Amino acid sequence: MRVDDPTFENFVAQRLPALFRYAMVLTQNRHDAEDLVQEALTRTGLRWAAVRRKDSPEGYVRTAMIRIMANRWRRPRREVSVAAPPEPAAEDLGLERLLDDAGVRSRVAELPPRTRAVLVLRYVEERSDEEIARLLGCSRGSVKSKASRGLARLREAADRAEVDHG
């Protein structure tokens, strides 16, 4: 793979905002989302010759993001602090408007990461329970359970917020 492959550069230029929004929903944190997108695109770039022949290169990147997240859940986290970020964060006004609703953001952020991933794959990606189970390396029953519990927690939180403000 050539690092300067124009088809990969075009793909990244066109799909980066959507991939970043997807990562934000998965991670609930701008910095983790940026890291996730970068790692997934790095892996994709290394295999671009094979990936670009697939039906959906974006689907490949999103699947890579889910697998990277699943691996992160299994490993202890090690962070290294730096004095200043090396580059400014990406801007996405559509995502900013959605995340400006502090209630939505906090309710989703309270969900465990795997539950968030199940809900994103099911309702944003419109994946089947079988696909989700395969991507996350768990059983179909676990997917259904996490989705049910996650939706119940979101409903309860929304009801509490309505009572508190109503």
Protein backbone atom coordinates (compact mmCIF):
# COMPACT_ATOMS: atom_id res chain seq x y z
CA MET A 1 0.00 0.00 0.00
CA ARG A 2 1.27 3.44 -0.88
CA VAL A 3 0.79 5.93 1.94
CA ASP A 4 -0.22 8.62 -0.55
CA ASP A 5 -2.92 6.53 -2.30
CA PRO A 6 -5.40 9.13 -3.63
CA THR A 7 -8.41 6.82 -3.33
CA PHE A 8 -7.76 6.37 0.40
CA GLU A 9 -7.18 10.09 0.87
CA ASN A 10 -10.46 10.84 -0.95
CA PHE A 11 -12.31 8.27 1.14
CA VAL A 12 -10.99 9.80 4.37
CA ALA A 13 -11.77 13.35 3.22
CA GLN A 14 -15.35 12.41 2.33
CA ARG A 15 -16.22 10.11 5.25
CA LEU A 16 -14.22 11.52 8.18
CA PRO A 17 -17.07 13.62 9.67
CA ALA A 18 -19.48 10.66 9.63
CA LEU A 19 -16.86 8.32 11.08
CA PHE A 20 -16.08 10.83 13.83
CA ARG A 21 -19.80 11.16 14.72
CA TYR A 22 -20.01 7.36 14.93
CA ALA A 23 -16.96 7.24 17.20
CA MET A 24 -18.44 9.97 19.43
CA VAL A 25 -21.57 7.92 19.95
CA LEU A 26 -19.46 4.89 20.82
CA THR A 27 -16.99 6.60 23.14
CA GLN A 28 -18.90 9.63 24.49
CA ASN A 29 -15.59 11.48 24.60
CA ARG A 30 -14.08 13.69 21.89
CA HIS A 31 -10.49 12.62 22.57
CA ASP A 32 -11.28 8.90 22.67
CA ALA A 33 -13.36 9.32 19.50
CA GLU A 34 -10.45 10.98 17.71
CA ASP A 35 -8.12 8.17 18.83
CA LEU A 36 -10.62 5.53 17.73
CA VAL A 37 -11.06 7.04 14.27
CA GLN A 38 -7.31 7.44 13.86
CA GLU A 39 -6.59 3.84 14.84
CA ALA A 40 -9.36 2.45 12.62
CA LEU A 41 -8.24 4.53 9.63
CA THR A 42 -4.62 3.54 10.19
CA ARG A 43 -5.57 -0.13 10.11
CA THR A 44 -7.76 0.44 7.07
CA GLY A 45 -5.02 2.35 5.25
CA LEU A 46 -2.61 -0.51 5.71
CA ARG A 47 -5.11 -2.86 4.03
CA TRP A 48 -6.61 -0.34 1.60
CA ALA A 49 -5.80 -2.34 -1.54
CA ALA A 50 -8.09 -5.13 -0.31
CA VAL A 51 -10.60 -2.91 1.50
CA ARG A 52 -11.42 -0.66 -1.45
CA ARG A 53 -12.60 -3.71 -3.42
CA LYS A 54 -15.21 -4.52 -0.77
CA ASP A 55 -18.84 -3.47 -1.07
CA SER A 56 -18.54 -0.96 1.77
CA PRO A 57 -15.19 0.44 2.83
CA GLU A 58 -17.01 2.59 5.39
CA GLY A 59 -18.61 -0.53 6.84
CA TYR A 60 -15.14 -2.03 7.12
CA VAL A 61 -13.93 1.02 9.09
CA ARG A 62 -17.01 0.98 11.36
CA THR A 63 -16.51 -2.73 12.03
CA ALA A 64 -12.86 -2.02 12.83
CA MET A 65 -13.99 0.67 15.27
CA ILE A 66 -16.34 -1.75 17.04
CA ARG A 67 -13.60 -4.39 17.29
CA ILE A 68 -11.09 -1.86 18.59
CA MET A 69 -13.61 -0.79 21.25
CA ALA A 70 -14.30 -4.42 22.19
CA ASN A 71 -10.58 -5.02 22.62
CA ARG A 72 -10.25 -1.89 24.76
CA TRP A 73 -12.97 -3.16 27.10
CA ARG A 74 -11.02 -6.36 27.60
CA ARG A 75 -7.68 -4.69 28.37
CA PRO A 76 -6.70 -2.43 31.25
CA ARG A 77 -6.43 1.14 30.11
CA ARG A 78 -3.07 2.92 30.14
CA GLU A 79 -3.04 6.61 29.39
CA VAL A 80 -0.11 8.93 29.02
CA SER A 81 -0.69 12.61 29.74
CA VAL A 82 0.91 15.22 27.52
CA ALA A 83 1.34 18.94 28.14
CA ALA A 84 -0.56 20.07 25.04
CA PRO A 85 -2.49 18.34 22.26
CA PRO A 86 -0.50 17.94 19.03
CA GLU A 87 -3.32 19.31 16.86
CA PRO A 88 -6.74 20.95 17.24
CA ALA A 89 -9.83 18.78 17.59
CA ALA A 90 -12.10 18.17 14.60
CA GLU A 91 -15.25 20.32 14.43
CA ASP A 92 -18.69 18.97 13.50
CA LEU A 93 -21.59 21.37 14.04
CA GLY A 94 -24.26 18.67 13.61
CA LEU A 95 -22.70 16.57 16.32
CA GLU A 96 -22.22 19.63 18.53
CA ARG A 97 -25.95 20.45 18.33
CA LEU A 98 -26.85 16.90 19.32
CA LEU A 99 -24.38 16.82 22.19
CA ASP A 100 -25.45 20.27 23.40
CA ASP A 101 -28.50 18.57 24.87
CA ALA A 102 -26.83 17.81 28.19
CA GLY A 103 -29.67 15.49 29.20
CA VAL A 104 -29.26 13.21 26.21
CA ARG A 105 -25.50 13.26 26.46
CA SER A 106 -25.42 12.47 30.17
CA ARG A 107 -28.03 9.69 29.92
CA VAL A 108 -26.16 7.95 27.10
CA ALA A 109 -22.79 8.52 28.79
CA GLU A 110 -24.07 6.76 31.92
CA LEU A 111 -24.57 3.54 29.98
CA PRO A 112 -21.79 0.95 30.10
CA PRO A 113 -19.64 1.03 26.93
CA ARG A 114 -20.81 -2.35 25.62
CA THR A 115 -24.45 -1.38 26.13
CA ARG A 116 -23.80 1.87 24.24
CA ALA A 117 -22.19 -0.12 21.44
CA VAL A 118 -25.17 -2.50 21.23
CA LEU A 119 -27.62 0.42 21.02
CA VAL A 120 -25.52 2.22 18.38
CA LEU A 121 -25.18 -0.90 16.26
CA ARG A 122 -28.87 -1.71 16.57
CA TYR A 123 -30.46 1.72 16.17
CA VAL A 124 -27.89 3.81 14.29
CA GLU A 125 -26.33 1.09 12.12
CA GLU A 126 -29.57 -0.95 11.96
CA ARG A 127 -27.64 -4.20 12.42
CA SER A 128 -29.28 -7.49 13.33
CA ASP A 129 -28.72 -9.07 16.73
CA GLU A 130 -26.69 -11.81 15.03
CA GLU A 131 -24.37 -9.25 13.40
CA ILE A 132 -23.97 -7.35 16.66
CA ALA A 133 -23.15 -10.54 18.54
CA ARG A 134 -20.53 -11.46 15.95
CA LEU A 135 -18.97 -7.98 16.02
CA LEU A 136 -18.82 -7.80 19.81
CA GLY A 137 -17.86 -11.43 20.34
CA CYS A 138 -20.84 -12.32 22.52
CA SER A 139 -24.07 -14.31 22.28
CA ARG A 140 -27.27 -13.11 20.63
CA GLY A 141 -28.99 -13.38 24.02
CA SER A 142 -26.38 -11.05 25.52
CA VAL A 143 -27.09 -8.51 22.76
CA LYS A 144 -30.83 -8.65 23.45
CA SER A 145 -30.27 -8.37 27.19
CA LYS A 146 -27.92 -5.38 26.87
CA ALA A 147 -30.30 -3.62 24.46
CA SER A 148 -33.28 -4.20 26.74
CA ARG A 149 -31.47 -3.05 29.87
CA GLY A 150 -29.94 -0.06 28.09
CA LEU A 151 -33.29 1.14 26.75
CA ALA A 152 -34.87 0.63 30.18
CA ARG A 153 -32.13 2.74 31.80
CA LEU A 154 -32.58 5.48 29.20
CA ARG A 155 -36.36 5.49 29.74
CA GLU A 156 -35.97 5.61 33.54
CA ALA A 157 -33.49 8.48 33.29
CA ALA A 158 -35.77 10.38 30.90
CA ASP A 159 -38.76 9.84 33.23
CA ARG A 160 -36.74 11.07 36.24
CA ALA A 161 -35.64 14.14 34.30
CA GLU A 162 -39.23 14.86 33.28
CA VAL A 163 -40.44 14.60 36.90
CA ASP A 164 -37.58 16.81 38.11
CA HIS A 165 -38.28 19.50 35.51
CA GLY A 166 -42.03 19.07 35.20
